[in-house]
């Protein structure tokens, strides 16, 4: 017998019954898993079939297994800690990049706002400059007029276009020989030669004196044009292309007014004055004329369609900016 003091402890078996026959040496480590895994009970010295708890070899084996489990747990914790540190580092990097992105987005939003304001200001300035440019071009054309309806090639027998135009005006507008027309130059519109049977190109006439040009126009308008060789000849101012485009938008309205025998006048730069029975009314835009004439029952074109097709006349720069930056305020 050993001299060590034994201590009786109660141990729960797998069936949940207390076993009072188990004795462990005081100070021995008890495995929470009971007997060693994968081992069959070792017969005791007395042949009862149970392991002798006082066997040092059994306790050593249990301690060895416990140390192995502890080592595995320690390594697992070490690996987990390393992985957590790595994940934390990646999260820190992601947060840093996210903060940088937020800062840059805020800066770009500020720049975009400034760009939007600058672009709006540029468009406003461009419109003003375009208006001034059109006005200057119209001023440079104030001594010029255009003849519409002169057949193509009618001037071929004259010494020059200026001689042909002067003779044409004197004969049909009753201009006295004592009145000097002072035609500086005259030529056809600089466009491609139209095919046979189509509208002939207009003739541009440049006078030296503005008052002479105005007098010629006054005489022509009083007669509402004139007939020459079975052709209707009309005279009008020489407008810049931008103003001509705006005035052409009233073409459908003028056609309808002529069909209804209503007198009208196209005012500078692009306004329409209509003389109704109750009085005259002036329209400043095509849209305004469309709405009012439609409300009066004056419609033209195909049934169910608006009288005038709405169009917006822009300069090339404004059109390009609008197409590229549709979100701009202007």
C-alpha atoms as a PDB file:
ATOM      1  CA  UNK A   1       0.000   0.000   0.000  1.00  0.00           C
ATOM      2  CA  UNK A   2       1.099   3.560  -0.665  1.00  0.00           C
ATOM      3  CA  UNK A   3       1.417   6.153   2.056  1.00  0.00           C
ATOM      4  CA  UNK A   4      -0.473   8.791   0.074  1.00  0.00           C
ATOM      5  CA  UNK A   5      -3.765   9.991   1.408  1.00  0.00           C
ATOM      6  CA  UNK A   6      -6.645   8.974  -0.798  1.00  0.00           C
ATOM      7  CA  UNK A   7      -9.715  11.054  -1.301  1.00  0.00           C
ATOM      8  CA  UNK A   8     -13.068   9.700  -2.344  1.00  0.00           C
ATOM      9  CA  UNK A   9     -14.913  11.702  -4.990  1.00  0.00           C
ATOM     10  CA  UNK A  10     -18.165  11.220  -6.708  1.00  0.00           C
ATOM     11  CA  UNK A  11     -18.039  10.746 -10.462  1.00  0.00           C
ATOM     12  CA  UNK A  12     -20.955  10.831 -12.893  1.00  0.00           C
ATOM     13  CA  UNK A  13     -20.895   7.969 -15.336  1.00  0.00           C
ATOM     14  CA  UNK A  14     -22.228   8.235 -18.863  1.00  0.00           C
ATOM     15  CA  UNK A  15     -25.552   6.916 -17.590  1.00  0.00           C
ATOM     16  CA  UNK A  16     -25.800   9.785 -15.047  1.00  0.00           C
ATOM     17  CA  UNK A  17     -25.332   7.476 -11.969  1.00  0.00           C
ATOM     18  CA  UNK A  18     -22.964   8.393  -9.186  1.00  0.00           C
ATOM     19  CA  UNK A  19     -20.027   6.066  -8.803  1.00  0.00           C
ATOM     20  CA  UNK A  20     -18.648   5.991  -5.251  1.00  0.00           C
ATOM     21  CA  UNK A  21     -16.023   3.415  -6.095  1.00  0.00           C
ATOM     22  CA  UNK A  22     -13.788   5.878  -7.970  1.00  0.00           C
ATOM     23  CA  UNK A  23     -10.836   7.107  -5.918  1.00  0.00           C
ATOM     24  CA  UNK A  24      -8.273   9.616  -7.161  1.00  0.00           C
ATOM     25  CA  UNK A  25      -5.045  10.629  -5.596  1.00  0.00           C
ATOM     26  CA  UNK A  26      -5.174  14.059  -3.990  1.00  0.00           C
ATOM     27  CA  UNK A  27      -3.731  16.721  -6.286  1.00  0.00           C
ATOM     28  CA  UNK A  28      -4.244  14.704  -9.464  1.00  0.00           C
ATOM     29  CA  UNK A  29      -5.635  16.436 -12.558  1.00  0.00           C
ATOM     30  CA  UNK A  30      -8.993  15.091 -13.699  1.00  0.00           C
ATOM     31  CA  UNK A  31      -9.722  15.136 -17.429  1.00  0.00           C
ATOM     32  CA  UNK A  32     -13.092  16.658 -18.253  1.00  0.00           C
ATOM     33  CA  UNK A  33     -13.514  14.012 -20.918  1.00  0.00           C
ATOM     34  CA  UNK A  34     -13.256  11.074 -18.491  1.00  0.00           C
ATOM     35  CA  UNK A  35     -11.144   8.194 -19.669  1.00  0.00           C
ATOM     36  CA  UNK A  36      -8.636   8.573 -22.437  1.00  0.00           C
ATOM     37  CA  UNK A  37     -10.136   8.701 -25.922  1.00  0.00           C
ATOM     38  CA  UNK A  38      -9.650   5.538 -27.967  1.00  0.00           C
ATOM     39  CA  UNK A  39      -8.521   3.453 -24.953  1.00  0.00           C
ATOM     40  CA  UNK A  40     -10.303   0.468 -23.562  1.00  0.00           C
ATOM     41  CA  UNK A  41     -10.492   0.075 -19.773  1.00  0.00           C
ATOM     42  CA  UNK A  42      -7.341  -1.470 -18.367  1.00  0.00           C
ATOM     43  CA  UNK A  43      -7.961  -4.410 -16.104  1.00  0.00           C
ATOM     44  CA  UNK A  44      -7.103  -3.741 -12.481  1.00  0.00           C
ATOM     45  CA  UNK A  45      -4.656  -5.781 -10.501  1.00  0.00           C
ATOM     46  CA  UNK A  46      -7.495  -7.579  -8.704  1.00  0.00           C
ATOM     47  CA  UNK A  47      -9.115  -8.516 -12.044  1.00  0.00           C
ATOM     48  CA  UNK A  48     -12.282  -6.411 -11.495  1.00  0.00           C
ATOM     49  CA  UNK A  49     -12.008  -4.897 -15.041  1.00  0.00           C
ATOM     50  CA  UNK A  50     -11.565  -1.238 -13.914  1.00  0.00           C
ATOM     51  CA  UNK A  51      -8.454   0.867 -14.246  1.00  0.00           C
ATOM     52  CA  UNK A  52      -6.460   1.497 -11.151  1.00  0.00           C
ATOM     53  CA  UNK A  53      -6.655   5.219 -10.458  1.00  0.00           C
ATOM     54  CA  UNK A  54      -3.372   5.068  -8.585  1.00  0.00           C
ATOM     55  CA  UNK A  55      -1.506   3.956 -11.711  1.00  0.00           C
ATOM     56  CA  UNK A  56       1.082   6.726 -12.462  1.00  0.00           C
ATOM     57  CA  UNK A  57       1.151   5.718 -16.131  1.00  0.00           C
ATOM     58  CA  UNK A  58      -2.556   6.506 -16.544  1.00  0.00           C
ATOM     59  CA  UNK A  59      -2.206   9.910 -14.918  1.00  0.00           C
ATOM     60  CA  UNK A  60       0.831  10.704 -17.029  1.00  0.00           C
ATOM     61  CA  UNK A  61      -1.062   9.802 -20.191  1.00  0.00           C
ATOM     62  CA  UNK A  62      -3.994  12.001 -19.173  1.00  0.00           C
ATOM     63  CA  UNK A  63      -1.682  14.904 -18.435  1.00  0.00           C
ATOM     64  CA  UNK A  64       0.040  14.410 -21.761  1.00  0.00           C
ATOM     65  CA  UNK A  65      -3.259  14.497 -23.620  1.00  0.00           C
ATOM     66  CA  UNK A  66      -4.369  17.585 -21.697  1.00  0.00           C
ATOM     67  CA  UNK A  67      -1.134  19.330 -22.555  1.00  0.00           C
ATOM     68  CA  UNK A  68      -1.649  18.422 -26.230  1.00  0.00           C
ATOM     69  CA  UNK A  69      -5.169  19.825 -26.184  1.00  0.00           C
ATOM     70  CA  UNK A  70      -3.937  22.993 -24.485  1.00  0.00           C
ATOM     71  CA  UNK A  71      -1.213  23.360 -27.083  1.00  0.00           C
ATOM     72  CA  UNK A  72      -3.750  22.972 -29.882  1.00  0.00           C
ATOM     73  CA  UNK A  73      -6.030  25.558 -28.277  1.00  0.00           C
ATOM     74  CA  UNK A  74      -3.096  27.921 -27.869  1.00  0.00           C
ATOM     75  CA  UNK A  75      -2.090  27.515 -31.519  1.00  0.00           C
ATOM     76  CA  UNK A  76      -5.719  27.976 -32.591  1.00  0.00           C
ATOM     77  CA  UNK A  77      -5.974  31.196 -30.595  1.00  0.00           C
ATOM     78  CA  UNK A  78      -2.686  32.363 -32.054  1.00  0.00           C
ATOM     79  CA  UNK A  79      -3.871  31.696 -35.610  1.00  0.00           C
ATOM     80  CA  UNK A  80      -7.224  33.340 -34.906  1.00  0.00           C
ATOM     81  CA  UNK A  81      -5.539  36.391 -33.439  1.00  0.00           C
ATOM     82  CA  UNK A  82      -3.243  36.641 -36.463  1.00  0.00           C
ATOM     83  CA  UNK A  83      -6.208  36.407 -38.833  1.00  0.00           C
ATOM     84  CA  UNK A  84      -8.148  39.001 -36.859  1.00  0.00           C
ATOM     85  CA  UNK A  85      -5.177  41.356 -36.972  1.00  0.00           C
ATOM     86  CA  UNK A  86      -4.940  40.853 -40.724  1.00  0.00           C
ATOM     87  CA  UNK A  87      -8.671  41.518 -41.145  1.00  0.00           C
ATOM     88  CA  UNK A  88      -8.396  44.617 -38.985  1.00  0.00           C
ATOM     89  CA  UNK A  89      -5.539  45.879 -41.140  1.00  0.00           C
ATOM     90  CA  UNK A  90      -7.590  45.365 -44.302  1.00  0.00           C
ATOM     91  CA  UNK A  91     -10.546  47.156 -42.723  1.00  0.00           C
ATOM     92  CA  UNK A  92      -8.329  50.069 -41.734  1.00  0.00           C
ATOM     93  CA  UNK A  93      -7.054  50.308 -45.308  1.00  0.00           C
ATOM     94  CA  UNK A  94     -10.605  50.146 -46.683  1.00  0.00           C
ATOM     95  CA  UNK A  95     -11.754  52.855 -44.266  1.00  0.00           C
ATOM     96  CA  UNK A  96      -8.821  55.050 -45.250  1.00  0.00           C
ATOM     97  CA  UNK A  97      -9.611  54.620 -48.943  1.00  0.00           C
ATOM     98  CA  UNK A  98     -13.305  55.279 -48.302  1.00  0.00           C
ATOM     99  CA  UNK A  99     -12.487  58.483 -46.451  1.00  0.00           C
ATOM    100  CA  UNK A 100     -10.235  59.540 -49.317  1.00  0.00           C
ATOM    101  CA  UNK A 101     -12.998  58.809 -51.837  1.00  0.00           C
ATOM    102  CA  UNK A 102     -15.532  60.797 -49.801  1.00  0.00           C
ATOM    103  CA  UNK A 103     -13.135  63.727 -49.644  1.00  0.00           C
ATOM    104  CA  UNK A 104     -12.528  63.635 -53.380  1.00  0.00           C
ATOM    105  CA  UNK A 105     -16.249  63.308 -54.150  1.00  0.00           C
ATOM    106  CA  UNK A 106     -16.968  66.358 -51.995  1.00  0.00           C
ATOM    107  CA  UNK A 107     -14.230  68.309 -53.783  1.00  0.00           C
ATOM    108  CA  UNK A 108     -15.546  67.285 -57.212  1.00  0.00           C
ATOM    109  CA  UNK A 109     -19.096  68.227 -56.224  1.00  0.00           C
ATOM    110  CA  UNK A 110     -17.867  71.684 -55.278  1.00  0.00           C
ATOM    111  CA  UNK A 111     -15.944  71.961 -58.544  1.00  0.00           C
ATOM    112  CA  UNK A 112     -18.976  70.739 -60.486  1.00  0.00           C
ATOM    113  CA  UNK A 113     -21.162  73.340 -58.823  1.00  0.00           C
ATOM    114  CA  UNK A 114     -18.655  76.045 -59.685  1.00  0.00           C
ATOM    115  CA  UNK A 115     -18.404  74.735 -63.246  1.00  0.00           C
ATOM    116  CA  UNK A 116     -22.184  74.770 -63.547  1.00  0.00           C
ATOM    117  CA  UNK A 117     -22.332  78.389 -62.444  1.00  0.00           C
ATOM    118  CA  UNK A 118     -19.461  79.368 -64.735  1.00  0.00           C
ATOM    119  CA  UNK A 119     -21.070  77.566 -67.679  1.00  0.00           C
ATOM    120  CA  UNK A 120     -24.368  79.331 -67.064  1.00  0.00           C
ATOM    121  CA  UNK A 121     -22.546  82.652 -67.008  1.00  0.00           C
ATOM    122  CA  UNK A 122     -20.685  81.768 -70.208  1.00  0.00           C
ATOM    123  CA  UNK A 123     -23.940  80.849 -71.958  1.00  0.00           C
ATOM    124  CA  UNK A 124     -25.501  84.128 -70.862  1.00  0.00           C
ATOM    125  CA  UNK A 125     -22.497  86.049 -72.156  1.00  0.00           C
ATOM    126  CA  UNK A 126     -22.546  84.035 -75.373  1.00  0.00           C
ATOM    127  CA  UNK A 127     -26.193  84.915 -75.969  1.00  0.00           C
ATOM    128  CA  UNK A 128     -25.448  88.592 -75.419  1.00  0.00           C
ATOM    129  CA  UNK A 129     -22.441  88.455 -77.743  1.00  0.00           C
ATOM    130  CA  UNK A 130     -24.463  86.575 -80.361  1.00  0.00           C
ATOM    131  CA  UNK A 131     -27.163  89.240 -80.161  1.00  0.00           C
ATOM    132  CA  UNK A 132     -24.584  91.990 -80.579  1.00  0.00           C
ATOM    133  CA  UNK A 133     -22.936  90.145 -83.457  1.00  0.00           C
ATOM    134  CA  UNK A 134     -26.269  89.710 -85.226  1.00  0.00           C
ATOM    135  CA  UNK A 135     -27.039  93.376 -84.671  1.00  0.00           C
ATOM    136  CA  UNK A 136     -23.679  94.424 -86.126  1.00  0.00           C
ATOM    137  CA  UNK A 137     -24.164  92.148 -89.117  1.00  0.00           C
ATOM    138  CA  UNK A 138     -27.621  93.576 -89.704  1.00  0.00           C
ATOM    139  CA  UNK A 139     -26.133  97.076 -89.487  1.00  0.00           C
ATOM    140  CA  UNK A 140     -23.561  96.181 -92.134  1.00  0.00           C
ATOM    141  CA  UNK A 141     -26.384  94.973 -94.416  1.00  0.00           C
ATOM    142  CA  UNK A 142     -28.622  98.001 -93.996  1.00  0.00           C
ATOM    143  CA  UNK A 143     -27.743  99.395 -97.467  1.00  0.00           C
ATOM    144  CA  UNK A 144     -28.581  96.059 -99.127  1.00  0.00           C
ATOM    145  CA  UNK A 145     -31.810  94.474-100.323  1.00  0.00           C
ATOM    146  CA  UNK A 146     -32.810  91.242-102.028  1.00  0.00           C
ATOM    147  CA  UNK A 147     -34.906  90.601-105.110  1.00  0.00           C
ATOM    148  CA  UNK A 148     -36.904  87.361-105.072  1.00  0.00           C
ATOM    149  CA  UNK A 149     -38.451  85.616-108.069  1.00  0.00           C
ATOM    150  CA  UNK A 150     -36.145  86.807-110.861  1.00  0.00           C
ATOM    151  CA  UNK A 151     -35.770  83.802-113.214  1.00  0.00           C
ATOM    152  CA  UNK A 152     -32.405  82.139-113.236  1.00  0.00           C
ATOM    153  CA  UNK A 153     -30.256  83.387-116.127  1.00  0.00           C
ATOM    154  CA  UNK A 154     -32.457  86.413-116.918  1.00  0.00           C
ATOM    155  CA  UNK A 155     -29.426  88.673-116.484  1.00  0.00           C
ATOM    156  CA  UNK A 156     -27.324  86.863-119.073  1.00  0.00           C
ATOM    157  CA  UNK A 157     -27.908  89.501-121.792  1.00  0.00           C
ATOM    158  CA  UNK A 158     -26.919  92.500-119.598  1.00  0.00           C
ATOM    159  CA  UNK A 159     -23.378  93.920-119.327  1.00  0.00           C
ATOM    160  CA  UNK A 160     -23.420  93.225-115.589  1.00  0.00           C
ATOM    161  CA  UNK A 161     -25.811  92.275-112.827  1.00  0.00           C
ATOM    162  CA  UNK A 162     -25.798  95.884-111.545  1.00  0.00           C
ATOM    163  CA  UNK A 163     -26.935  97.198-114.958  1.00  0.00           C
ATOM    164  CA  UNK A 164     -29.622  94.510-115.179  1.00  0.00           C
ATOM    165  CA  UNK A 165     -31.007  95.324-111.696  1.00  0.00           C
ATOM    166  CA  UNK A 166     -31.010  99.091-112.280  1.00  0.00           C
ATOM    167  CA  UNK A 167     -32.926  98.691-115.546  1.00  0.00           C
ATOM    168  CA  UNK A 168     -35.352  96.275-113.911  1.00  0.00           C
ATOM    169  CA  UNK A 169     -36.094  98.643-111.021  1.00  0.00           C
ATOM    170  CA  UNK A 170     -36.457 101.770-113.150  1.00  0.00           C
ATOM    171  CA  UNK A 171     -38.857 100.128-115.590  1.00  0.00           C
ATOM    172  CA  UNK A 172     -41.123  98.489-113.005  1.00  0.00           C
ATOM    173  CA  UNK A 173     -41.039 100.973-110.100  1.00  0.00           C
ATOM    174  CA  UNK A 174     -41.339 104.133-112.206  1.00  0.00           C
ATOM    175  CA  UNK A 175     -38.081 105.610-110.957  1.00  0.00           C
ATOM    176  CA  UNK A 176     -37.220 108.801-112.822  1.00  0.00           C
ATOM    177  CA  UNK A 177     -33.938 109.010-114.744  1.00  0.00           C
ATOM    178  CA  UNK A 178     -32.891 111.945-112.602  1.00  0.00           C
ATOM    179  CA  UNK A 179     -32.825 109.711-109.518  1.00  0.00           C
ATOM    180  CA  UNK A 180     -29.430 108.082-109.095  1.00  0.00           C
ATOM    181  CA  UNK A 181     -29.744 104.571-107.669  1.00  0.00           C
ATOM    182  CA  UNK A 182     -26.015 104.356-106.874  1.00  0.00           C
ATOM    183  CA  UNK A 183     -25.880 100.553-107.022  1.00  0.00           C
ATOM    184  CA  UNK A 184     -22.451  99.517-105.819  1.00  0.00           C
ATOM    185  CA  UNK A 185     -22.698  95.823-106.670  1.00  0.00           C
ATOM    186  CA  UNK A 186     -25.252  93.098-107.337  1.00  0.00           C
ATOM    187  CA  UNK A 187     -25.014  89.312-107.555  1.00  0.00           C
ATOM    188  CA  UNK A 188     -26.974  86.135-107.051  1.00  0.00           C
ATOM    189  CA  UNK A 189     -27.097  84.464-103.638  1.00  0.00           C
ATOM    190  CA  UNK A 190     -23.990  82.386-103.037  1.00  0.00           C
ATOM    191  CA  UNK A 191     -25.614  78.972-103.122  1.00  0.00           C
ATOM    192  CA  UNK A 192     -25.595  76.052-105.510  1.00  0.00           C
ATOM    193  CA  UNK A 193     -27.407  76.400-108.820  1.00  0.00           C
ATOM    194  CA  UNK A 194     -31.018  75.215-108.318  1.00  0.00           C
ATOM    195  CA  UNK A 195     -32.495  72.588-110.655  1.00  0.00           C
ATOM    196  CA  UNK A 196     -34.874  73.595-113.433  1.00  0.00           C
ATOM    197  CA  UNK A 197     -38.357  74.476-112.255  1.00  0.00           C
ATOM    198  CA  UNK A 198     -37.348  75.248-108.668  1.00  0.00           C
ATOM    199  CA  UNK A 199     -37.246  78.594-106.882  1.00  0.00           C
ATOM    200  CA  UNK A 200     -34.484  80.766-108.419  1.00  0.00           C
ATOM    201  CA  UNK A 201     -31.732  82.208-106.287  1.00  0.00           C
ATOM    202  CA  UNK A 202     -32.333  85.677-104.892  1.00  0.00           C
ATOM    203  CA  UNK A 203     -30.364  88.700-106.105  1.00  0.00           C
ATOM    204  CA  UNK A 204     -28.472  90.741-103.511  1.00  0.00           C
ATOM    205  CA  UNK A 205     -28.196  94.461-104.330  1.00  0.00           C
ATOM    206  CA  UNK A 206     -25.794  96.745-102.454  1.00  0.00           C
ATOM    207  CA  UNK A 207     -26.537 100.511-102.584  1.00  0.00           C
ATOM    208  CA  UNK A 208     -24.147 103.279-101.638  1.00  0.00           C
ATOM    209  CA  UNK A 209     -26.868 105.243 -99.868  1.00  0.00           C
ATOM    210  CA  UNK A 210     -29.263 103.890 -97.247  1.00  0.00           C
ATOM    211  CA  UNK A 211     -32.020 106.382 -98.129  1.00  0.00           C
ATOM    212  CA  UNK A 212     -32.032 105.301-101.777  1.00  0.00           C
ATOM    213  CA  UNK A 213     -32.425 101.685-100.761  1.00  0.00           C
ATOM    214  CA  UNK A 214     -35.303 102.583 -98.431  1.00  0.00           C
ATOM    215  CA  UNK A 215     -37.027 104.556-101.198  1.00  0.00           C
ATOM    216  CA  UNK A 216     -36.761 101.613-103.593  1.00  0.00           C
ATOM    217  CA  UNK A 217     -38.252  99.297-100.967  1.00  0.00           C
ATOM    218  CA  UNK A 218     -41.077 101.751-100.250  1.00  0.00           C
ATOM    219  CA  UNK A 219     -42.028 101.917-103.925  1.00  0.00           C
ATOM    220  CA  UNK A 220     -41.914  98.131-104.253  1.00  0.00           C
ATOM    221  CA  UNK A 221     -44.048  97.575-101.134  1.00  0.00           C
ATOM    222  CA  UNK A 222     -46.604 100.114-102.300  1.00  0.00           C
ATOM    223  CA  UNK A 223     -47.088  98.075-105.455  1.00  0.00           C
ATOM    224  CA  UNK A 224     -46.851  94.799-103.475  1.00  0.00           C
ATOM    225  CA  UNK A 225     -44.164  93.690-105.857  1.00  0.00           C
ATOM    226  CA  UNK A 226     -44.466  93.623-109.626  1.00  0.00           C
ATOM    227  CA  UNK A 227     -44.777  91.200-112.525  1.00  0.00           C
ATOM    228  CA  UNK A 228     -41.898  90.815-114.971  1.00  0.00           C
ATOM    229  CA  UNK A 229     -41.893  88.315-117.817  1.00  0.00           C
ATOM    230  CA  UNK A 230     -44.714  86.361-116.137  1.00  0.00           C
ATOM    231  CA  UNK A 231     -42.735  86.193-112.881  1.00  0.00           C
ATOM    232  CA  UNK A 232     -43.740  87.748-109.566  1.00  0.00           C
ATOM    233  CA  UNK A 233     -40.869  89.867-108.224  1.00  0.00           C
ATOM    234  CA  UNK A 234     -40.705  90.839-104.531  1.00  0.00           C
ATOM    235  CA  UNK A 235     -38.193  92.977-102.636  1.00  0.00           C
ATOM    236  CA  UNK A 236     -37.161  92.794 -99.000  1.00  0.00           C
ATOM    237  CA  UNK A 237     -34.344  93.715 -96.638  1.00  0.00           C
ATOM    238  CA  UNK A 238     -31.121  91.705 -96.617  1.00  0.00           C
ATOM    239  CA  UNK A 239     -31.286  90.111 -93.169  1.00  0.00           C
ATOM    240  CA  UNK A 240     -28.546  88.109 -91.393  1.00  0.00           C
ATOM    241  CA  UNK A 241     -28.963  84.303 -91.494  1.00  0.00           C
ATOM    242  CA  UNK A 242     -30.034  84.116 -87.827  1.00  0.00           C
ATOM    243  CA  UNK A 243     -32.855  86.605 -88.354  1.00  0.00           C
ATOM    244  CA  UNK A 244     -33.873  84.946 -91.613  1.00  0.00           C
ATOM    245  CA  UNK A 245     -34.180  81.603 -89.827  1.00  0.00           C
ATOM    246  CA  UNK A 246     -36.422  83.119 -87.152  1.00  0.00           C
ATOM    247  CA  UNK A 247     -38.605  84.886 -89.715  1.00  0.00           C
ATOM    248  CA  UNK A 248     -39.008  81.678 -91.737  1.00  0.00           C
ATOM    249  CA  UNK A 249     -40.653  80.059 -88.726  1.00  0.00           C
ATOM    250  CA  UNK A 250     -43.716  82.202 -89.448  1.00  0.00           C
ATOM    251  CA  UNK A 251     -44.018  80.792 -92.990  1.00  0.00           C
ATOM    252  CA  UNK A 252     -46.926  78.476 -92.170  1.00  0.00           C
ATOM    253  CA  UNK A 253     -48.721  81.230 -90.270  1.00  0.00           C
ATOM    254  CA  UNK A 254     -48.337  83.661 -93.164  1.00  0.00           C
ATOM    255  CA  UNK A 255     -49.684  81.027 -95.546  1.00  0.00           C
ATOM    256  CA  UNK A 256     -52.795  80.533 -93.424  1.00  0.00           C
ATOM    257  CA  UNK A 257     -53.324  84.281 -93.058  1.00  0.00           C
ATOM    258  CA  UNK A 258     -53.138  84.710 -96.832  1.00  0.00           C
ATOM    259  CA  UNK A 259     -55.732  81.962 -97.295  1.00  0.00           C
ATOM    260  CA  UNK A 260     -58.018  83.771 -94.837  1.00  0.00           C
ATOM    261  CA  UNK A 261     -57.382  87.141 -96.559  1.00  0.00           C
ATOM    262  CA  UNK A 262     -56.007  88.650 -93.365  1.00  0.00           C
ATOM    263  CA  UNK A 263     -53.485  91.448 -93.657  1.00  0.00           C
ATOM    264  CA  UNK A 264     -50.217  90.971 -91.767  1.00  0.00           C
ATOM    265  CA  UNK A 265     -46.702  92.333 -91.545  1.00  0.00           C
ATOM    266  CA  UNK A 266     -43.433  90.768 -90.400  1.00  0.00           C
ATOM    267  CA  UNK A 267     -41.638  93.206 -88.122  1.00  0.00           C
ATOM    268  CA  UNK A 268     -37.947  93.359 -87.309  1.00  0.00           C
ATOM    269  CA  UNK A 269     -36.302  91.190 -86.178  1.00  0.00           C
ATOM    270  CA  UNK A 270     -38.845  88.341 -86.036  1.00  0.00           C
ATOM    271  CA  UNK A 271     -42.301  89.493 -84.984  1.00  0.00           C
ATOM    272  CA  UNK A 272     -45.631  89.038 -86.679  1.00  0.00           C
ATOM    273  CA  UNK A 273     -48.295  91.756 -86.744  1.00  0.00           C
ATOM    274  CA  UNK A 274     -51.773  90.653 -87.823  1.00  0.00           C
ATOM    275  CA  UNK A 275     -54.626  93.054 -88.578  1.00  0.00           C
ATOM    276  CA  UNK A 276     -57.860  91.471 -87.343  1.00  0.00           C
ATOM    277  CA  UNK A 277     -61.311  93.064 -87.635  1.00  0.00           C
ATOM    278  CA  UNK A 278     -61.252  94.033 -83.962  1.00  0.00           C
ATOM    279  CA  UNK A 279     -57.751  95.483 -84.230  1.00  0.00           C
ATOM    280  CA  UNK A 280     -54.090  94.684 -84.807  1.00  0.00           C
ATOM    281  CA  UNK A 281     -52.137  92.281 -82.647  1.00  0.00           C
ATOM    282  CA  UNK A 282     -48.376  91.691 -82.557  1.00  0.00           C
ATOM    283  CA  UNK A 283     -46.808  88.314 -81.726  1.00  0.00           C
ATOM    284  CA  UNK A 284     -43.258  88.287 -80.402  1.00  0.00           C
ATOM    285  CA  UNK A 285     -42.654  84.535 -80.754  1.00  0.00           C
ATOM    286  CA  UNK A 286     -43.798  81.718 -82.997  1.00  0.00           C
ATOM    287  CA  UNK A 287     -45.259  79.887 -80.002  1.00  0.00           C
ATOM    288  CA  UNK A 288     -47.374  82.897 -79.055  1.00  0.00           C
ATOM    289  CA  UNK A 289     -48.690  83.205 -82.596  1.00  0.00           C
ATOM    290  CA  UNK A 290     -49.438  79.482 -82.752  1.00  0.00           C
ATOM    291  CA  UNK A 291     -51.516  79.476 -79.578  1.00  0.00           C
ATOM    292  CA  UNK A 292     -53.514  82.612 -80.405  1.00  0.00           C
ATOM    293  CA  UNK A 293     -54.239  81.754 -84.030  1.00  0.00           C
ATOM    294  CA  UNK A 294     -55.296  78.241 -83.033  1.00  0.00           C
ATOM    295  CA  UNK A 295     -57.682  79.688 -80.437  1.00  0.00           C
ATOM    296  CA  UNK A 296     -59.229  81.810 -83.209  1.00  0.00           C
ATOM    297  CA  UNK A 297     -59.834  78.731 -85.341  1.00  0.00           C
ATOM    298  CA  UNK A 298     -57.061  79.555 -87.798  1.00  0.00           C
ATOM    299  CA  UNK A 299     -55.321  76.253 -88.382  1.00  0.00           C
ATOM    300  CA  UNK A 300     -53.285  74.998 -91.252  1.00  0.00           C
ATOM    301  CA  UNK A 301     -51.408  71.959 -92.427  1.00  0.00           C
ATOM    302  CA  UNK A 302     -52.630  68.464 -91.567  1.00  0.00           C
ATOM    303  CA  UNK A 303     -55.634  68.065 -89.338  1.00  0.00           C
ATOM    304  CA  UNK A 304     -54.856  67.567 -85.688  1.00  0.00           C
ATOM    305  CA  UNK A 305     -51.362  68.983 -86.007  1.00  0.00           C
ATOM    306  CA  UNK A 306     -50.193  72.345 -84.646  1.00  0.00           C
ATOM    307  CA  UNK A 307     -50.143  75.316 -86.974  1.00  0.00           C
ATOM    308  CA  UNK A 308     -46.419  76.019 -86.561  1.00  0.00           C
ATOM    309  CA  UNK A 309     -43.697  73.528 -85.796  1.00  0.00           C
ATOM    310  CA  UNK A 310     -41.873  74.705 -82.721  1.00  0.00           C
ATOM    311  CA  UNK A 311     -38.129  75.100 -83.216  1.00  0.00           C
ATOM    312  CA  UNK A 312     -35.370  76.704 -81.232  1.00  0.00           C
ATOM    313  CA  UNK A 313     -32.760  78.749 -83.069  1.00  0.00           C
ATOM    314  CA  UNK A 314     -29.376  78.571 -81.390  1.00  0.00           C
ATOM    315  CA  UNK A 315     -25.878  79.466 -82.345  1.00  0.00           C
ATOM    316  CA  UNK A 316     -23.452  76.629 -82.985  1.00  0.00           C
ATOM    317  CA  UNK A 317     -21.672  77.160 -79.679  1.00  0.00           C
ATOM    318  CA  UNK A 318     -24.886  77.177 -77.624  1.00  0.00           C
ATOM    319  CA  UNK A 319     -26.176  74.047 -79.357  1.00  0.00           C
ATOM    320  CA  UNK A 320     -22.907  72.220 -78.720  1.00  0.00           C
ATOM    321  CA  UNK A 321     -22.849  73.189 -75.047  1.00  0.00           C
ATOM    322  CA  UNK A 322     -26.461  72.172 -74.558  1.00  0.00           C
ATOM    323  CA  UNK A 323     -25.842  68.770 -76.151  1.00  0.00           C
ATOM    324  CA  UNK A 324     -22.706  68.150 -74.098  1.00  0.00           C
ATOM    325  CA  UNK A 325     -23.997  69.568 -70.783  1.00  0.00           C
ATOM    326  CA  UNK A 326     -27.804  69.092 -70.705  1.00  0.00           C
ATOM    327  CA  UNK A 327     -27.856  69.611 -66.926  1.00  0.00           C
ATOM    328  CA  UNK A 328     -26.522  73.193 -67.185  1.00  0.00           C
ATOM    329  CA  UNK A 329     -28.815  75.980 -66.080  1.00  0.00           C
ATOM    330  CA  UNK A 330     -29.360  78.637 -68.729  1.00  0.00           C
END
